[in-house]
C-alpha cells in the first residue's frame, strides 16, 4: 500500500512514542507493544542476534513522494519532544547507499531511537522507518 498523508497524522502519537521508549528500556519484556501509528504499513518486534530487541515501523510511499519527507521530518521533530531526555546522536556518515538516504538518531539511556528516509529507485518506493532499539 503506497501512502500519501499529511505529517499531522502523527500529532496524536506523542504519548505512543514515549510509551515505546519506556518499553524498550525494559527490553520489551511484555512482548510487542500495542502502540500503533496512523497509516503505518507495518510495525514488528524483531529479535537481534545479541539478544536485544528492536521495534521497527515502516511506511511505504511512492518514489520520492512529498508525504514521505513530511512524515520523516515530523518524526524527527517529535522524537526529542515526546521522548523526554532523548539526545541527538552525531550523524552516521558511514552509510554508503546508491539512492538517497537520511538517518536521524537519538539516545535516551540505553535506548536508541532512529528514523530514516530511504529512496529505493529500483522498487519505485520511498520508505520511512521508525526504529527503537532496546538495551
C-alpha atoms as a PDB file:
ATOM      1  CA  UNK A   1       0.000   0.000   0.000  1.00  0.00           C
ATOM      2  CA  UNK A   2       1.523   3.324  -1.042  1.00  0.00           C
ATOM      3  CA  UNK A   3       0.641   6.236   1.181  1.00  0.00           C
ATOM      4  CA  UNK A   4       0.327   9.944   0.912  1.00  0.00           C
ATOM      5  CA  UNK A   5      -0.876  11.748   4.024  1.00  0.00           C
ATOM      6  CA  UNK A   6      -0.026  14.869   5.969  1.00  0.00           C
ATOM      7  CA  UNK A   7       2.608  14.777   8.679  1.00  0.00           C
ATOM      8  CA  UNK A   8      -0.033  15.985  11.135  1.00  0.00           C
ATOM      9  CA  UNK A   9      -1.169  12.348  11.239  1.00  0.00           C
ATOM     10  CA  UNK A  10       1.474  11.891  13.963  1.00  0.00           C
ATOM     11  CA  UNK A  11       0.360  14.742  16.172  1.00  0.00           C
ATOM     12  CA  UNK A  12      -1.660  12.435  18.427  1.00  0.00           C
ATOM     13  CA  UNK A  13       1.107   9.856  18.807  1.00  0.00           C
ATOM     14  CA  UNK A  14       3.439  11.699  21.171  1.00  0.00           C
ATOM     15  CA  UNK A  15       2.395   9.572  24.137  1.00  0.00           C
ATOM     16  CA  UNK A  16       2.834   6.461  21.997  1.00  0.00           C
ATOM     17  CA  UNK A  17       6.450   7.321  21.233  1.00  0.00           C
ATOM     18  CA  UNK A  18       7.138   7.818  24.938  1.00  0.00           C
ATOM     19  CA  UNK A  19       5.495   4.504  25.781  1.00  0.00           C
ATOM     20  CA  UNK A  20       7.584   2.709  23.157  1.00  0.00           C
ATOM     21  CA  UNK A  21      10.800   4.176  24.572  1.00  0.00           C
ATOM     22  CA  UNK A  22       9.787   3.046  28.081  1.00  0.00           C
ATOM     23  CA  UNK A  23       9.022  -0.427  26.805  1.00  0.00           C
ATOM     24  CA  UNK A  24      12.405  -0.559  25.045  1.00  0.00           C
ATOM     25  CA  UNK A  25      14.162   0.493  28.269  1.00  0.00           C
ATOM     26  CA  UNK A  26      12.639  -2.608  29.854  1.00  0.00           C
ATOM     27  CA  UNK A  27      13.854  -4.783  26.982  1.00  0.00           C
ATOM     28  CA  UNK A  28      10.309  -5.155  25.619  1.00  0.00           C
ATOM     29  CA  UNK A  29       9.740  -7.627  28.469  1.00  0.00           C
ATOM     30  CA  UNK A  30       5.986  -7.566  27.842  1.00  0.00           C
ATOM     31  CA  UNK A  31       6.373  -8.507  24.181  1.00  0.00           C
ATOM     32  CA  UNK A  32       5.220  -6.483  21.209  1.00  0.00           C
ATOM     33  CA  UNK A  33       3.868  -3.088  22.293  1.00  0.00           C
ATOM     34  CA  UNK A  34       0.295  -2.226  21.380  1.00  0.00           C
ATOM     35  CA  UNK A  35       1.265   1.231  20.103  1.00  0.00           C
ATOM     36  CA  UNK A  36       0.281   1.922  16.536  1.00  0.00           C
ATOM     37  CA  UNK A  37       0.562   4.891  14.254  1.00  0.00           C
ATOM     38  CA  UNK A  38      -1.755   6.328  11.659  1.00  0.00           C
ATOM     39  CA  UNK A  39      -1.379   4.754   8.239  1.00  0.00           C
ATOM     40  CA  UNK A  40       1.566   2.585   9.278  1.00  0.00           C
ATOM     41  CA  UNK A  41       2.428  -0.119   6.797  1.00  0.00           C
ATOM     42  CA  UNK A  42       3.845  -2.442   9.431  1.00  0.00           C
ATOM     43  CA  UNK A  43       5.290  -2.492  12.942  1.00  0.00           C
ATOM     44  CA  UNK A  44       7.156  -5.532  14.205  1.00  0.00           C
ATOM     45  CA  UNK A  45       9.188  -6.524  17.238  1.00  0.00           C
ATOM     46  CA  UNK A  46      12.394  -8.113  15.965  1.00  0.00           C
ATOM     47  CA  UNK A  47      14.884 -10.286  17.850  1.00  0.00           C
ATOM     48  CA  UNK A  48      18.530  -9.257  17.303  1.00  0.00           C
ATOM     49  CA  UNK A  49      21.423 -11.733  17.320  1.00  0.00           C
ATOM     50  CA  UNK A  50      22.847 -10.145  20.502  1.00  0.00           C
ATOM     51  CA  UNK A  51      19.653 -10.889  22.437  1.00  0.00           C
ATOM     52  CA  UNK A  52      18.265  -7.348  22.284  1.00  0.00           C
ATOM     53  CA  UNK A  53      15.051  -6.460  20.506  1.00  0.00           C
ATOM     54  CA  UNK A  54      14.088  -3.776  18.016  1.00  0.00           C
ATOM     55  CA  UNK A  55      10.662  -2.287  17.406  1.00  0.00           C
ATOM     56  CA  UNK A  56      10.508  -1.304  13.734  1.00  0.00           C
ATOM     57  CA  UNK A  57       7.728   0.542  11.904  1.00  0.00           C
ATOM     58  CA  UNK A  58       7.824   1.074   8.141  1.00  0.00           C
ATOM     59  CA  UNK A  59       5.758   3.326   5.922  1.00  0.00           C
ATOM     60  CA  UNK A  60       5.839   2.903   2.127  1.00  0.00           C
ATOM     61  CA  UNK A  61       5.296   5.787  -0.264  1.00  0.00           C
ATOM     62  CA  UNK A  62       5.516   6.255  -3.984  1.00  0.00           C
ATOM     63  CA  UNK A  63       9.094   7.071  -5.017  1.00  0.00           C
ATOM     64  CA  UNK A  64      10.087  10.485  -3.651  1.00  0.00           C
ATOM     65  CA  UNK A  65       6.517  11.356  -2.661  1.00  0.00           C
ATOM     66  CA  UNK A  66       6.439  14.651  -0.719  1.00  0.00           C
ATOM     67  CA  UNK A  67       4.440  12.970   2.043  1.00  0.00           C
ATOM     68  CA  UNK A  68       7.401  10.711   2.877  1.00  0.00           C
ATOM     69  CA  UNK A  69       9.683  13.656   3.594  1.00  0.00           C
ATOM     70  CA  UNK A  70       6.927  15.297   5.631  1.00  0.00           C
ATOM     71  CA  UNK A  71       6.484  12.168   7.797  1.00  0.00           C
ATOM     72  CA  UNK A  72      10.261  11.832   8.252  1.00  0.00           C
ATOM     73  CA  UNK A  73      10.550  15.488   9.278  1.00  0.00           C
ATOM     74  CA  UNK A  74       7.623  15.177  11.679  1.00  0.00           C
ATOM     75  CA  UNK A  75       9.138  12.102  13.349  1.00  0.00           C
ATOM     76  CA  UNK A  76      12.480  13.884  13.622  1.00  0.00           C
ATOM     77  CA  UNK A  77      10.779  16.812  15.364  1.00  0.00           C
ATOM     78  CA  UNK A  78       8.592  14.657  17.628  1.00  0.00           C
ATOM     79  CA  UNK A  79      11.212  12.232  18.960  1.00  0.00           C
ATOM     80  CA  UNK A  80      13.096  14.725  21.173  1.00  0.00           C
ATOM     81  CA  UNK A  81       9.822  16.292  22.336  1.00  0.00           C
ATOM     82  CA  UNK A  82       7.871  13.094  23.019  1.00  0.00           C
ATOM     83  CA  UNK A  83      10.709  11.015  24.427  1.00  0.00           C
ATOM     84  CA  UNK A  84      11.865  13.093  27.353  1.00  0.00           C
ATOM     85  CA  UNK A  85      15.617  13.143  27.737  1.00  0.00           C
ATOM     86  CA  UNK A  86      16.336  11.900  24.202  1.00  0.00           C
ATOM     87  CA  UNK A  87      19.580  13.422  22.947  1.00  0.00           C
ATOM     88  CA  UNK A  88      20.533  13.687  19.276  1.00  0.00           C
ATOM     89  CA  UNK A  89      23.452  11.488  18.230  1.00  0.00           C
ATOM     90  CA  UNK A  90      26.063  12.552  15.669  1.00  0.00           C
ATOM     91  CA  UNK A  91      25.262  11.902  12.032  1.00  0.00           C
ATOM     92  CA  UNK A  92      26.268   8.493  10.751  1.00  0.00           C
ATOM     93  CA  UNK A  93      28.159   9.277   7.557  1.00  0.00           C
ATOM     94  CA  UNK A  94      29.363   5.701   7.104  1.00  0.00           C
ATOM     95  CA  UNK A  95      26.236   4.718   5.159  1.00  0.00           C
ATOM     96  CA  UNK A  96      27.003   4.064   1.518  1.00  0.00           C
ATOM     97  CA  UNK A  97      23.756   3.889  -0.367  1.00  0.00           C
ATOM     98  CA  UNK A  98      23.186   4.346  -4.095  1.00  0.00           C
ATOM     99  CA  UNK A  99      19.854   6.134  -3.614  1.00  0.00           C
ATOM    100  CA  UNK A 100      19.196   8.984  -1.208  1.00  0.00           C
ATOM    101  CA  UNK A 101      19.207   8.124   2.484  1.00  0.00           C
ATOM    102  CA  UNK A 102      18.826  10.208   5.629  1.00  0.00           C
ATOM    103  CA  UNK A 103      19.120   8.886   9.167  1.00  0.00           C
ATOM    104  CA  UNK A 104      18.478  10.719  12.450  1.00  0.00           C
ATOM    105  CA  UNK A 105      19.324   9.013  15.736  1.00  0.00           C
ATOM    106  CA  UNK A 106      18.603   9.817  19.373  1.00  0.00           C
ATOM    107  CA  UNK A 107      19.559   8.177  22.644  1.00  0.00           C
ATOM    108  CA  UNK A 108      17.819   8.072  25.994  1.00  0.00           C
ATOM    109  CA  UNK A 109      19.776   5.928  28.418  1.00  0.00           C
ATOM    110  CA  UNK A 110      20.459   2.621  26.698  1.00  0.00           C
ATOM    111  CA  UNK A 111      17.645   3.058  24.179  1.00  0.00           C
ATOM    112  CA  UNK A 112      18.406   4.297  20.659  1.00  0.00           C
ATOM    113  CA  UNK A 113      15.548   5.778  18.644  1.00  0.00           C
ATOM    114  CA  UNK A 114      16.042   6.458  14.958  1.00  0.00           C
ATOM    115  CA  UNK A 115      14.093   7.498  11.934  1.00  0.00           C
ATOM    116  CA  UNK A 116      15.188   7.169   8.343  1.00  0.00           C
ATOM    117  CA  UNK A 117      14.110   8.224   4.885  1.00  0.00           C
ATOM    118  CA  UNK A 118      15.260   5.925   2.101  1.00  0.00           C
ATOM    119  CA  UNK A 119      14.574   6.215  -1.615  1.00  0.00           C
ATOM    120  CA  UNK A 120      14.549   2.908  -3.489  1.00  0.00           C
ATOM    121  CA  UNK A 121      14.556   3.748  -7.203  1.00  0.00           C
ATOM    122  CA  UNK A 122      14.583   0.117  -8.337  1.00  0.00           C
ATOM    123  CA  UNK A 123      11.433  -0.543  -6.290  1.00  0.00           C
ATOM    124  CA  UNK A 124       9.898   2.853  -7.114  1.00  0.00           C
ATOM    125  CA  UNK A 125       9.352   3.384  -3.384  1.00  0.00           C
ATOM    126  CA  UNK A 126      10.384   5.703  -0.619  1.00  0.00           C
ATOM    127  CA  UNK A 127      10.445   4.170   2.837  1.00  0.00           C
ATOM    128  CA  UNK A 128      10.222   5.934   6.176  1.00  0.00           C
ATOM    129  CA  UNK A 129      11.184   3.911   9.242  1.00  0.00           C
ATOM    130  CA  UNK A 130      10.965   4.391  12.966  1.00  0.00           C
ATOM    131  CA  UNK A 131      13.323   2.108  14.885  1.00  0.00           C
ATOM    132  CA  UNK A 132      13.571   1.738  18.661  1.00  0.00           C
ATOM    133  CA  UNK A 133      16.380  -0.487  19.930  1.00  0.00           C
ATOM    134  CA  UNK A 134      16.217  -1.971  23.422  1.00  0.00           C
ATOM    135  CA  UNK A 135      19.152  -2.275  25.775  1.00  0.00           C
END
